[in-house]
Amino acid sequence: MSTILEPSARKLEKLAYERNKLLKRLLRLTGQAIGDFGMIEDGDRVMVCLSGGKDSYGLLDLLLTLRSRAPISFDVVAVNLDQKQPGFPEHVLPDYLGKLGVPFHIENQDTYSIVTRVIPEGRTMCSLCSRLRRGILYRVADELGATKIALGHHRDDILETFFLNMFFGGKLKGMPPKLVSDDGRHIVIRPLAYVEERDLEAYAEWREFPIIPCNLCGSQENLKRREIKQLMREWEKRFPGRVDNIFAALSRVTPSHLMDRSLFDFTGLAATGAPVEDGDIAFDVSPEFEAAPAAGADAALPVVELVRRKPA
């Protein structure tokens, strides 16, 4: 009998070890983002927007844990906007939050009827839905006396938004970890800015959050965001580390080497005779770019060979 139980015991021990690592990583990255961007201050009342998805559940859970360990004092209140989608299980979130013992507020607003009436069938509803949702949540934040509005967007959301703006909007613009709301009255924070989606998926499975699917927008296929998500997954599979580098680049911007005249005074640029850091080294080939990728990848070939193989 012992030979049967031992493999099972080792498996459980390994699972507990991996989950402990996951929790430590999530808390570390969330705490780091909060600290790096000054998201939460002593005395804050943080309104966590809870949709019923894995990301917002994870955000609430991690913030509650960090609150119990933080050297500062802040309150957390969970808020859900019930948009009256057909079949929405109204009892799930109140039951969960009641058992959790966290203060919460359920706001009932029939935005579903508005969106389905205004947007033609087959068109993406996300944009209008988001605008309506934001306005309602800002009002609720005022009513609850919230000083910060916390959203569950993670690292992958930020990168997807960056590529959406670049590919389809012609802008170098992402999703900031901290910003002032549209009405200028609130601070919106994204404490999961450094957290990968796959870690949140694993955490949600472990914690057994009662996930509520979004049937309003999540059922619509061929969204541009879905295309970008698939592109990023293919990159990560073929070129491990590429997505990490792109994310790191969002915090390492050199305006003088771009083309935005509002960020850098190109017309007033003059030679001073003094050395300039990062001057014209953009013309040089960085040693980092010459490092050989994984075996079998075309990028490992010399540039000359790649040019020769390029179709006419």
C-alpha atoms as a PDB file:
ATOM      1  CA  MET A   1       0.000   0.000   0.000  1.00  0.00           C
ATOM      2  CA  SER A   2       2.838   2.398   0.753  1.00  0.00           C
ATOM      3  CA  THR A   3       4.126   2.085  -2.811  1.00  0.00           C
ATOM      4  CA  ILE A   4       0.722   3.281  -4.051  1.00  0.00           C
ATOM      5  CA  LEU A   5       0.474   6.225  -1.694  1.00  0.00           C
ATOM      6  CA  GLU A   6       4.018   7.538  -2.099  1.00  0.00           C
ATOM      7  CA  PRO A   7       3.685   8.774  -5.710  1.00  0.00           C
ATOM      8  CA  SER A   8       0.411  10.497  -4.799  1.00  0.00           C
ATOM      9  CA  ALA A   9       2.021  12.142  -1.757  1.00  0.00           C
ATOM     10  CA  ARG A  10       4.937  13.363  -3.907  1.00  0.00           C
ATOM     11  CA  LYS A  11       2.504  14.754  -6.451  1.00  0.00           C
ATOM     12  CA  LEU A  12       0.603  16.676  -3.770  1.00  0.00           C
ATOM     13  CA  GLU A  13       3.859  17.968  -2.312  1.00  0.00           C
ATOM     14  CA  LYS A  14       4.957  19.203  -5.742  1.00  0.00           C
ATOM     15  CA  LEU A  15       1.572  20.842  -6.326  1.00  0.00           C
ATOM     16  CA  ALA A  16       1.768  22.649  -2.977  1.00  0.00           C
ATOM     17  CA  TYR A  17       5.299  23.815  -3.818  1.00  0.00           C
ATOM     18  CA  GLU A  18       4.252  25.166  -7.224  1.00  0.00           C
ATOM     19  CA  ARG A  19       1.238  26.945  -5.759  1.00  0.00           C
ATOM     20  CA  ASN A  20       3.358  28.538  -3.071  1.00  0.00           C
ATOM     21  CA  LYS A  21       5.758  29.792  -5.740  1.00  0.00           C
ATOM     22  CA  LEU A  22       2.830  31.129  -7.765  1.00  0.00           C
ATOM     23  CA  LEU A  23       1.370  33.025  -4.810  1.00  0.00           C
ATOM     24  CA  LYS A  24       4.726  34.542  -3.889  1.00  0.00           C
ATOM     25  CA  ARG A  25       5.285  35.623  -7.502  1.00  0.00           C
ATOM     26  CA  LEU A  26       1.834  37.201  -7.785  1.00  0.00           C
ATOM     27  CA  LEU A  27       2.188  39.073  -4.496  1.00  0.00           C
ATOM     28  CA  ARG A  28       5.694  40.233  -5.370  1.00  0.00           C
ATOM     29  CA  LEU A  29       4.744  41.529  -8.828  1.00  0.00           C
ATOM     30  CA  THR A  30       1.545  43.169  -7.608  1.00  0.00           C
ATOM     31  CA  GLY A  31       3.336  44.813  -4.704  1.00  0.00           C
ATOM     32  CA  GLN A  32       6.136  45.936  -7.015  1.00  0.00           C
ATOM     33  CA  ALA A  33       3.711  47.580  -9.443  1.00  0.00           C
ATOM     34  CA  ILE A  34       1.904  49.332  -6.588  1.00  0.00           C
ATOM     35  CA  GLY A  35       5.214  50.639  -5.277  1.00  0.00           C
ATOM     36  CA  ASP A  36       6.730  51.581  -8.636  1.00  0.00           C
ATOM     37  CA  PHE A  37       3.775  53.741  -9.648  1.00  0.00           C
ATOM     38  CA  GLY A  38       2.603  54.937  -6.214  1.00  0.00           C
ATOM     39  CA  MET A  39      -0.804  53.340  -6.707  1.00  0.00           C
ATOM     40  CA  ILE A  40      -2.000  53.049  -3.108  1.00  0.00           C
ATOM     41  CA  GLU A  41      -1.341  55.436  -0.219  1.00  0.00           C
ATOM     42  CA  ASP A  42      -2.053  55.394   3.476  1.00  0.00           C
ATOM     43  CA  GLY A  43      -5.737  56.019   4.139  1.00  0.00           C
ATOM     44  CA  ASP A  44      -6.909  55.157   0.625  1.00  0.00           C
ATOM     45  CA  ARG A  45     -10.293  53.564  -0.017  1.00  0.00           C
ATOM     46  CA  VAL A  46      -9.727  51.295  -3.019  1.00  0.00           C
ATOM     47  CA  MET A  47     -12.739  50.369  -5.126  1.00  0.00           C
ATOM     48  CA  VAL A  48     -12.036  47.036  -6.837  1.00  0.00           C
ATOM     49  CA  CYS A  49     -14.153  46.633  -9.958  1.00  0.00           C
ATOM     50  CA  LEU A  50     -15.277  43.012  -9.911  1.00  0.00           C
ATOM     51  CA  SER A  51     -16.614  41.614 -13.177  1.00  0.00           C
ATOM     52  CA  GLY A  52     -16.738  37.949 -12.230  1.00  0.00           C
ATOM     53  CA  GLY A  53     -13.750  37.078 -14.403  1.00  0.00           C
ATOM     54  CA  LYS A  54     -10.475  35.514 -13.301  1.00  0.00           C
ATOM     55  CA  ASP A  55      -8.537  38.790 -13.432  1.00  0.00           C
ATOM     56  CA  SER A  56     -10.761  40.840 -11.129  1.00  0.00           C
ATOM     57  CA  TYR A  57     -11.174  37.916  -8.718  1.00  0.00           C
ATOM     58  CA  GLY A  58      -7.396  37.579  -8.585  1.00  0.00           C
ATOM     59  CA  LEU A  59      -6.951  41.318  -8.081  1.00  0.00           C
ATOM     60  CA  LEU A  60      -9.352  41.408  -5.138  1.00  0.00           C
ATOM     61  CA  ASP A  61      -7.786  38.337  -3.539  1.00  0.00           C
ATOM     62  CA  LEU A  62      -4.233  39.651  -3.862  1.00  0.00           C
ATOM     63  CA  LEU A  63      -5.111  43.142  -2.612  1.00  0.00           C
ATOM     64  CA  LEU A  64      -6.764  41.687   0.471  1.00  0.00           C
ATOM     65  CA  THR A  65      -3.639  39.647   1.189  1.00  0.00           C
ATOM     66  CA  LEU A  66      -1.325  42.606   0.612  1.00  0.00           C
ATOM     67  CA  ARG A  67      -3.507  44.807   2.835  1.00  0.00           C
ATOM     68  CA  SER A  68      -2.996  42.401   5.726  1.00  0.00           C
ATOM     69  CA  ARG A  69       0.785  42.639   5.284  1.00  0.00           C
ATOM     70  CA  ALA A  70       1.265  46.265   4.184  1.00  0.00           C
ATOM     71  CA  PRO A  71       2.925  48.864   6.415  1.00  0.00           C
ATOM     72  CA  ILE A  72       0.157  51.304   5.451  1.00  0.00           C
ATOM     73  CA  SER A  73      -3.577  51.192   6.119  1.00  0.00           C
ATOM     74  CA  PHE A  74      -6.137  51.176   3.295  1.00  0.00           C
ATOM     75  CA  ASP A  75      -9.690  49.955   2.806  1.00  0.00           C
ATOM     76  CA  VAL A  76     -11.024  47.747   0.023  1.00  0.00           C
ATOM     77  CA  VAL A  77     -14.577  47.726  -1.303  1.00  0.00           C
ATOM     78  CA  ALA A  78     -15.669  45.442  -4.146  1.00  0.00           C
ATOM     79  CA  VAL A  79     -18.095  46.775  -6.754  1.00  0.00           C
ATOM     80  CA  ASN A  80     -19.893  44.860  -9.470  1.00  0.00           C
ATOM     81  CA  LEU A  81     -21.918  46.428 -12.256  1.00  0.00           C
ATOM     82  CA  ASP A  82     -24.828  44.152 -13.140  1.00  0.00           C
ATOM     83  CA  GLN A  83     -25.487  45.134 -16.766  1.00  0.00           C
ATOM     84  CA  LYS A  84     -28.585  42.949 -16.989  1.00  0.00           C
ATOM     85  CA  GLN A  85     -27.197  40.537 -19.520  1.00  0.00           C
ATOM     86  CA  PRO A  86     -29.625  37.665 -20.206  1.00  0.00           C
ATOM     87  CA  GLY A  87     -28.841  34.713 -17.985  1.00  0.00           C
ATOM     88  CA  PHE A  88     -26.460  36.628 -15.714  1.00  0.00           C
ATOM     89  CA  PRO A  89     -26.291  34.730 -12.378  1.00  0.00           C
ATOM     90  CA  GLU A  90     -27.102  37.569  -9.985  1.00  0.00           C
ATOM     91  CA  HIS A  91     -26.496  35.506  -6.842  1.00  0.00           C
ATOM     92  CA  VAL A  92     -22.910  34.423  -7.555  1.00  0.00           C
ATOM     93  CA  LEU A  93     -20.987  37.563  -6.605  1.00  0.00           C
ATOM     94  CA  PRO A  94     -23.075  38.553  -3.553  1.00  0.00           C
ATOM     95  CA  ASP A  95     -22.781  34.992  -2.228  1.00  0.00           C
ATOM     96  CA  TYR A  96     -19.015  34.892  -2.821  1.00  0.00           C
ATOM     97  CA  LEU A  97     -18.330  38.352  -1.371  1.00  0.00           C
ATOM     98  CA  GLY A  98     -20.593  37.693   1.594  1.00  0.00           C
ATOM     99  CA  LYS A  99     -18.643  34.564   2.483  1.00  0.00           C
ATOM    100  CA  LEU A 100     -15.378  36.440   1.952  1.00  0.00           C
ATOM    101  CA  GLY A 101     -16.486  39.114   4.407  1.00  0.00           C
ATOM    102  CA  VAL A 102     -15.431  42.046   2.237  1.00  0.00           C
ATOM    103  CA  PRO A 103     -17.608  45.184   1.882  1.00  0.00           C
ATOM    104  CA  PHE A 104     -19.283  45.246  -1.524  1.00  0.00           C
ATOM    105  CA  HIS A 105     -21.828  47.057  -3.644  1.00  0.00           C
ATOM    106  CA  ILE A 106     -23.824  45.706  -6.598  1.00  0.00           C
ATOM    107  CA  GLU A 107     -24.851  48.429  -9.053  1.00  0.00           C
ATOM    108  CA  ASN A 108     -27.802  47.507 -11.262  1.00  0.00           C
ATOM    109  CA  GLN A 109     -27.870  49.298 -14.626  1.00  0.00           C
ATOM    110  CA  ASP A 110     -29.368  47.915 -17.841  1.00  0.00           C
ATOM    111  CA  THR A 111     -26.571  48.852 -20.242  1.00  0.00           C
ATOM    112  CA  TYR A 112     -27.124  45.627 -22.159  1.00  0.00           C
ATOM    113  CA  SER A 113     -30.355  46.907 -23.715  1.00  0.00           C
ATOM    114  CA  ILE A 114     -28.686  50.178 -24.674  1.00  0.00           C
ATOM    115  CA  VAL A 115     -25.737  48.496 -26.350  1.00  0.00           C
ATOM    116  CA  THR A 116     -27.793  45.932 -28.255  1.00  0.00           C
ATOM    117  CA  ARG A 117     -30.192  48.665 -29.416  1.00  0.00           C
ATOM    118  CA  VAL A 118     -27.489  51.054 -30.621  1.00  0.00           C
ATOM    119  CA  ILE A 119     -24.894  48.653 -32.082  1.00  0.00           C
ATOM    120  CA  PRO A 120     -25.929  46.811 -35.281  1.00  0.00           C
ATOM    121  CA  GLU A 121     -25.988  43.023 -35.038  1.00  0.00           C
ATOM    122  CA  GLY A 122     -22.608  41.474 -35.732  1.00  0.00           C
ATOM    123  CA  ARG A 123     -20.619  44.609 -34.818  1.00  0.00           C
ATOM    124  CA  THR A 124     -18.269  44.774 -31.845  1.00  0.00           C
ATOM    125  CA  MET A 125     -20.000  46.032 -28.698  1.00  0.00           C
ATOM    126  CA  CYS A 126     -16.913  46.486 -26.517  1.00  0.00           C
ATOM    127  CA  SER A 127     -16.275  50.187 -27.147  1.00  0.00           C
ATOM    128  CA  LEU A 128     -19.737  51.480 -26.250  1.00  0.00           C
ATOM    129  CA  CYS A 129     -20.078  48.998 -23.397  1.00  0.00           C
ATOM    130  CA  SER A 130     -16.785  50.199 -21.915  1.00  0.00           C
ATOM    131  CA  ARG A 131     -17.766  53.880 -22.112  1.00  0.00           C
ATOM    132  CA  LEU A 132     -21.100  53.277 -20.415  1.00  0.00           C
ATOM    133  CA  ARG A 133     -19.463  51.116 -17.751  1.00  0.00           C
ATOM    134  CA  ARG A 134     -16.781  53.707 -16.994  1.00  0.00           C
ATOM    135  CA  GLY A 135     -19.274  56.496 -16.465  1.00  0.00           C
ATOM    136  CA  ILE A 136     -21.339  54.424 -14.051  1.00  0.00           C
ATOM    137  CA  LEU A 137     -18.295  53.243 -12.090  1.00  0.00           C
ATOM    138  CA  TYR A 138     -17.005  56.818 -11.728  1.00  0.00           C
ATOM    139  CA  ARG A 139     -20.340  57.838 -10.227  1.00  0.00           C
ATOM    140  CA  VAL A 140     -20.336  54.859  -7.863  1.00  0.00           C
ATOM    141  CA  ALA A 141     -16.775  55.716  -6.782  1.00  0.00           C
ATOM    142  CA  ASP A 142     -18.000  59.180  -5.769  1.00  0.00           C
ATOM    143  CA  GLU A 143     -20.931  57.740  -3.857  1.00  0.00           C
ATOM    144  CA  LEU A 144     -18.728  55.251  -1.979  1.00  0.00           C
ATOM    145  CA  GLY A 145     -16.004  57.780  -1.224  1.00  0.00           C
ATOM    146  CA  ALA A 146     -13.379  55.735  -3.098  1.00  0.00           C
ATOM    147  CA  THR A 147     -10.026  57.444  -3.613  1.00  0.00           C
ATOM    148  CA  LYS A 148      -8.715  54.866  -6.086  1.00  0.00           C
ATOM    149  CA  ILE A 149     -10.454  52.721  -8.718  1.00  0.00           C
ATOM    150  CA  ALA A 150      -8.638  49.402  -9.225  1.00  0.00           C
ATOM    151  CA  LEU A 151      -9.042  47.450 -12.471  1.00  0.00           C
ATOM    152  CA  GLY A 152      -7.893  43.899 -13.162  1.00  0.00           C
ATOM    153  CA  HIS A 153      -5.948  44.490 -16.377  1.00  0.00           C
ATOM    154  CA  HIS A 154      -2.706  42.502 -16.507  1.00  0.00           C
ATOM    155  CA  ARG A 155       0.541  42.558 -18.476  1.00  0.00           C
ATOM    156  CA  ASP A 156      -0.956  40.828 -21.516  1.00  0.00           C
ATOM    157  CA  ASP A 157      -3.829  43.337 -21.646  1.00  0.00           C
ATOM    158  CA  ILE A 158      -1.319  46.174 -21.643  1.00  0.00           C
ATOM    159  CA  LEU A 159       0.701  44.658 -24.481  1.00  0.00           C
ATOM    160  CA  GLU A 160      -2.389  43.832 -26.526  1.00  0.00           C
ATOM    161  CA  THR A 161      -3.577  47.427 -26.187  1.00  0.00           C
ATOM    162  CA  PHE A 162      -0.165  48.683 -27.286  1.00  0.00           C
ATOM    163  CA  PHE A 163      -0.251  46.579 -30.452  1.00  0.00           C
ATOM    164  CA  LEU A 164      -3.888  47.450 -31.175  1.00  0.00           C
ATOM    165  CA  ASN A 165      -3.049  51.154 -31.050  1.00  0.00           C
ATOM    166  CA  MET A 166       0.058  50.691 -33.187  1.00  0.00           C
ATOM    167  CA  PHE A 167      -1.354  48.322 -35.822  1.00  0.00           C
ATOM    168  CA  PHE A 168      -4.851  49.759 -36.161  1.00  0.00           C
ATOM    169  CA  GLY A 169      -4.657  53.262 -34.687  1.00  0.00           C
ATOM    170  CA  GLY A 170      -1.229  54.444 -35.804  1.00  0.00           C
ATOM    171  CA  LYS A 171      -0.214  55.443 -32.266  1.00  0.00           C
ATOM    172  CA  LEU A 172       2.470  54.399 -29.787  1.00  0.00           C
ATOM    173  CA  LYS A 173       0.016  54.204 -26.919  1.00  0.00           C
ATOM    174  CA  GLY A 174      -0.676  51.549 -24.340  1.00  0.00           C
ATOM    175  CA  MET A 175      -2.647  51.043 -21.141  1.00  0.00           C
ATOM    176  CA  PRO A 176      -0.940  52.893 -18.264  1.00  0.00           C
ATOM    177  CA  PRO A 177      -0.690  51.336 -14.790  1.00  0.00           C
ATOM    178  CA  LYS A 178      -2.001  54.575 -13.283  1.00  0.00           C
ATOM    179  CA  LEU A 179      -3.972  57.428 -14.802  1.00  0.00           C
ATOM    180  CA  VAL A 180      -6.521  60.154 -14.175  1.00  0.00           C
ATOM    181  CA  SER A 181     -10.053  59.151 -15.185  1.00  0.00           C
ATOM    182  CA  ASP A 182     -11.902  60.641 -18.155  1.00  0.00           C
ATOM    183  CA  ASP A 183     -13.835  63.018 -15.913  1.00  0.00           C
ATOM    184  CA  GLY A 184     -10.642  64.202 -14.197  1.00  0.00           C
ATOM    185  CA  ARG A 185     -11.997  63.311 -10.755  1.00  0.00           C
ATOM    186  CA  HIS A 186     -10.518  59.875 -10.037  1.00  0.00           C
ATOM    187  CA  ILE A 187      -7.257  57.942 -10.044  1.00  0.00           C
ATOM    188  CA  VAL A 188      -7.491  54.613 -11.854  1.00  0.00           C
ATOM    189  CA  ILE A 189      -4.897  51.962 -11.015  1.00  0.00           C
ATOM    190  CA  ARG A 190      -3.936  48.589 -12.475  1.00  0.00           C
ATOM    191  CA  PRO A 191      -2.038  46.698  -9.752  1.00  0.00           C
ATOM    192  CA  LEU A 192      -1.698  43.584 -11.963  1.00  0.00           C
ATOM    193  CA  ALA A 193       0.327  45.491 -14.577  1.00  0.00           C
ATOM    194  CA  TYR A 194       3.361  43.201 -14.142  1.00  0.00           C
ATOM    195  CA  VAL A 195       1.393  39.944 -13.869  1.00  0.00           C
ATOM    196  CA  GLU A 196       1.106  37.487 -16.763  1.00  0.00           C
ATOM    197  CA  GLU A 197      -2.309  36.186 -17.749  1.00  0.00           C
ATOM    198  CA  ARG A 198      -1.249  32.550 -17.522  1.00  0.00           C
ATOM    199  CA  ASP A 199      -0.387  33.042 -13.839  1.00  0.00           C
ATOM    200  CA  LEU A 200      -3.838  34.486 -13.189  1.00  0.00           C
ATOM    201  CA  GLU A 201      -5.404  31.536 -14.978  1.00  0.00           C
ATOM    202  CA  ALA A 202      -3.484  29.113 -12.770  1.00  0.00           C
ATOM    203  CA  TYR A 203      -4.354  31.122  -9.649  1.00  0.00           C
ATOM    204  CA  ALA A 204      -8.058  31.195 -10.510  1.00  0.00           C
ATOM    205  CA  GLU A 205      -8.073  27.431 -11.034  1.00  0.00           C
ATOM    206  CA  TRP A 206      -6.330  26.873  -7.712  1.00  0.00           C
ATOM    207  CA  ARG A 207      -8.585  29.260  -5.768  1.00  0.00           C
ATOM    208  CA  GLU A 208     -11.696  27.948  -7.536  1.00  0.00           C
ATOM    209  CA  PHE A 209     -13.170  31.377  -8.170  1.00  0.00           C
ATOM    210  CA  PRO A 210     -16.817  31.241  -9.325  1.00  0.00           C
ATOM    211  CA  ILE A 211     -16.106  32.556 -12.836  1.00  0.00           C
ATOM    212  CA  ILE A 212     -18.921  34.318 -14.681  1.00  0.00           C
ATOM    213  CA  PRO A 213     -18.379  34.381 -18.472  1.00  0.00           C
ATOM    214  CA  CYS A 214     -19.090  37.581 -20.412  1.00  0.00           C
ATOM    215  CA  ASN A 215     -21.737  36.655 -22.957  1.00  0.00           C
ATOM    216  CA  LEU A 216     -22.074  40.189 -24.237  1.00  0.00           C
ATOM    217  CA  CYS A 217     -18.640  40.701 -25.764  1.00  0.00           C
ATOM    218  CA  GLY A 218     -16.813  37.451 -25.053  1.00  0.00           C
ATOM    219  CA  SER A 219     -19.033  35.536 -27.479  1.00  0.00           C
ATOM    220  CA  GLN A 220     -18.086  37.750 -30.407  1.00  0.00           C
ATOM    221  CA  GLU A 221     -15.462  36.171 -32.625  1.00  0.00           C
ATOM    222  CA  ASN A 222     -12.726  37.759 -34.751  1.00  0.00           C
ATOM    223  CA  LEU A 223     -12.140  40.712 -32.462  1.00  0.00           C
ATOM    224  CA  LYS A 224      -8.873  42.517 -33.182  1.00  0.00           C
ATOM    225  CA  ARG A 225      -7.770  41.960 -29.589  1.00  0.00           C
ATOM    226  CA  ARG A 226      -8.213  38.236 -30.085  1.00  0.00           C
ATOM    227  CA  GLU A 227      -5.997  38.399 -33.153  1.00  0.00           C
ATOM    228  CA  ILE A 228      -3.291  40.239 -31.224  1.00  0.00           C
ATOM    229  CA  LYS A 229      -3.489  37.750 -28.365  1.00  0.00           C
ATOM    230  CA  GLN A 230      -2.937  34.881 -30.780  1.00  0.00           C
ATOM    231  CA  LEU A 231      -0.027  36.724 -32.406  1.00  0.00           C
ATOM    232  CA  MET A 232       1.660  37.196 -29.031  1.00  0.00           C
ATOM    233  CA  ARG A 233       1.213  33.530 -28.146  1.00  0.00           C
ATOM    234  CA  GLU A 234       2.806  32.483 -31.428  1.00  0.00           C
ATOM    235  CA  TRP A 235       5.725  34.823 -30.809  1.00  0.00           C
ATOM    236  CA  GLU A 236       6.264  33.480 -27.312  1.00  0.00           C
ATOM    237  CA  LYS A 237       6.188  29.923 -28.607  1.00  0.00           C
ATOM    238  CA  ARG A 238       8.590  30.522 -31.494  1.00  0.00           C
ATOM    239  CA  PHE A 239      10.796  33.160 -29.876  1.00  0.00           C
ATOM    240  CA  PRO A 240      10.804  32.814 -26.053  1.00  0.00           C
ATOM    241  CA  GLY A 241      11.560  36.128 -24.388  1.00  0.00           C
ATOM    242  CA  ARG A 242      10.347  38.353 -27.232  1.00  0.00           C
ATOM    243  CA  VAL A 243       7.149  39.397 -25.447  1.00  0.00           C
ATOM    244  CA  ASP A 244       9.130  40.106 -22.259  1.00  0.00           C
ATOM    245  CA  ASN A 245      11.448  42.406 -24.210  1.00  0.00           C
ATOM    246  CA  ILE A 246       8.547  44.280 -25.782  1.00  0.00           C
ATOM    247  CA  PHE A 247       6.954  44.802 -22.382  1.00  0.00           C
ATOM    248  CA  ALA A 248      10.256  46.055 -20.952  1.00  0.00           C
ATOM    249  CA  ALA A 249      10.530  48.500 -23.871  1.00  0.00           C
ATOM    250  CA  LEU A 250       7.359  50.272 -22.704  1.00  0.00           C
ATOM    251  CA  SER A 251       9.313  51.617 -19.726  1.00  0.00           C
ATOM    252  CA  ARG A 252      12.508  52.397 -21.661  1.00  0.00           C
ATOM    253  CA  VAL A 253      11.431  55.084 -24.106  1.00  0.00           C
ATOM    254  CA  THR A 254      13.934  57.375 -25.872  1.00  0.00           C
ATOM    255  CA  PRO A 255      11.903  60.288 -27.320  1.00  0.00           C
ATOM    256  CA  SER A 256      14.906  61.681 -29.215  1.00  0.00           C
ATOM    257  CA  HIS A 257      14.994  58.508 -31.296  1.00  0.00           C
ATOM    258  CA  LEU A 258      11.350  58.585 -32.283  1.00  0.00           C
ATOM    259  CA  MET A 259       9.449  61.170 -34.353  1.00  0.00           C
ATOM    260  CA  ASP A 260       7.024  62.871 -31.966  1.00  0.00           C
ATOM    261  CA  ARG A 261       7.837  66.606 -32.132  1.00  0.00           C
ATOM    262  CA  SER A 262       5.702  67.275 -29.054  1.00  0.00           C
ATOM    263  CA  LEU A 263       8.003  65.082 -26.965  1.00  0.00           C
ATOM    264  CA  PHE A 264      11.345  66.215 -28.378  1.00  0.00           C
ATOM    265  CA  ASP A 265      12.483  69.553 -29.840  1.00  0.00           C
ATOM    266  CA  PHE A 266      13.909  68.427 -33.174  1.00  0.00           C
ATOM    267  CA  THR A 267      13.782  71.906 -34.737  1.00  0.00           C
ATOM    268  CA  GLY A 268      15.798  73.391 -31.894  1.00  0.00           C
ATOM    269  CA  LEU A 269      18.386  70.634 -31.947  1.00  0.00           C
ATOM    270  CA  ALA A 270      21.944  71.956 -32.290  1.00  0.00           C
ATOM    271  CA  ALA A 271      25.451  70.554 -32.097  1.00  0.00           C
ATOM    272  CA  THR A 272      27.130  71.600 -28.837  1.00  0.00           C
ATOM    273  CA  GLY A 273      30.426  69.781 -29.190  1.00  0.00           C
ATOM    274  CA  ALA A 274      29.671  67.709 -26.096  1.00  0.00           C
ATOM    275  CA  PRO A 275      29.178  63.937 -26.282  1.00  0.00           C
ATOM    276  CA  VAL A 276      25.536  62.850 -26.272  1.00  0.00           C
ATOM    277  CA  GLU A 277      24.423  59.610 -24.678  1.00  0.00           C
ATOM    278  CA  ASP A 278      22.571  57.402 -27.189  1.00  0.00           C
ATOM    279  CA  GLY A 279      23.481  59.934 -29.871  1.00  0.00           C
ATOM    280  CA  ASP A 280      23.754  58.191 -33.241  1.00  0.00           C
ATOM    281  CA  ILE A 281      24.379  54.679 -31.958  1.00  0.00           C
ATOM    282  CA  ALA A 282      21.043  53.733 -33.476  1.00  0.00           C
ATOM    283  CA  PHE A 283      23.053  53.216 -36.679  1.00  0.00           C
ATOM    284  CA  ASP A 284      25.244  50.654 -34.947  1.00  0.00           C
ATOM    285  CA  VAL A 285      24.345  46.987 -34.738  1.00  0.00           C
ATOM    286  CA  SER A 286      23.738  46.111 -31.106  1.00  0.00           C
ATOM    287  CA  PRO A 287      25.500  42.970 -29.844  1.00  0.00           C
ATOM    288  CA  GLU A 288      22.135  41.955 -28.380  1.00  0.00           C
ATOM    289  CA  PHE A 289      20.657  41.760 -31.883  1.00  0.00           C
ATOM    290  CA  GLU A 290      23.495  39.532 -33.080  1.00  0.00           C
ATOM    291  CA  ALA A 291      22.960  36.860 -30.415  1.00  0.00           C
ATOM    292  CA  ALA A 292      21.904  33.596 -32.047  1.00  0.00           C
ATOM    293  CA  PRO A 293      18.263  32.634 -31.352  1.00  0.00           C
ATOM    294  CA  ALA A 294      17.054  29.092 -30.780  1.00  0.00           C
ATOM    295  CA  ALA A 295      18.396  26.443 -33.106  1.00  0.00           C
ATOM    296  CA  GLY A 296      16.461  26.074 -36.313  1.00  0.00           C
ATOM    297  CA  ALA A 297      15.122  29.628 -36.410  1.00  0.00           C
ATOM    298  CA  ASP A 298      15.724  31.638 -39.594  1.00  0.00           C
ATOM    299  CA  ALA A 299      16.860  34.559 -37.467  1.00  0.00           C
ATOM    300  CA  ALA A 300      19.978  32.565 -36.570  1.00  0.00           C
ATOM    301  CA  LEU A 301      21.200  32.873 -40.178  1.00  0.00           C
ATOM    302  CA  PRO A 302      23.563  35.676 -41.204  1.00  0.00           C
ATOM    303  CA  VAL A 303      21.790  38.760 -42.552  1.00  0.00           C
ATOM    304  CA  VAL A 304      23.364  38.254 -45.980  1.00  0.00           C
ATOM    305  CA  GLU A 305      21.938  34.730 -46.169  1.00  0.00           C
ATOM    306  CA  LEU A 306      18.490  35.986 -45.193  1.00  0.00           C
ATOM    307  CA  VAL A 307      18.593  38.568 -47.968  1.00  0.00           C
ATOM    308  CA  ARG A 308      19.608  35.924 -50.482  1.00  0.00           C
ATOM    309  CA  ARG A 309      16.692  33.734 -49.473  1.00  0.00           C
ATOM    310  CA  LYS A 310      14.162  36.551 -49.669  1.00  0.00           C
ATOM    311  CA  PRO A 311      11.746  36.038 -52.600  1.00  0.00           C
ATOM    312  CA  ALA A 312      12.118  38.503 -55.455  1.00  0.00           C
END
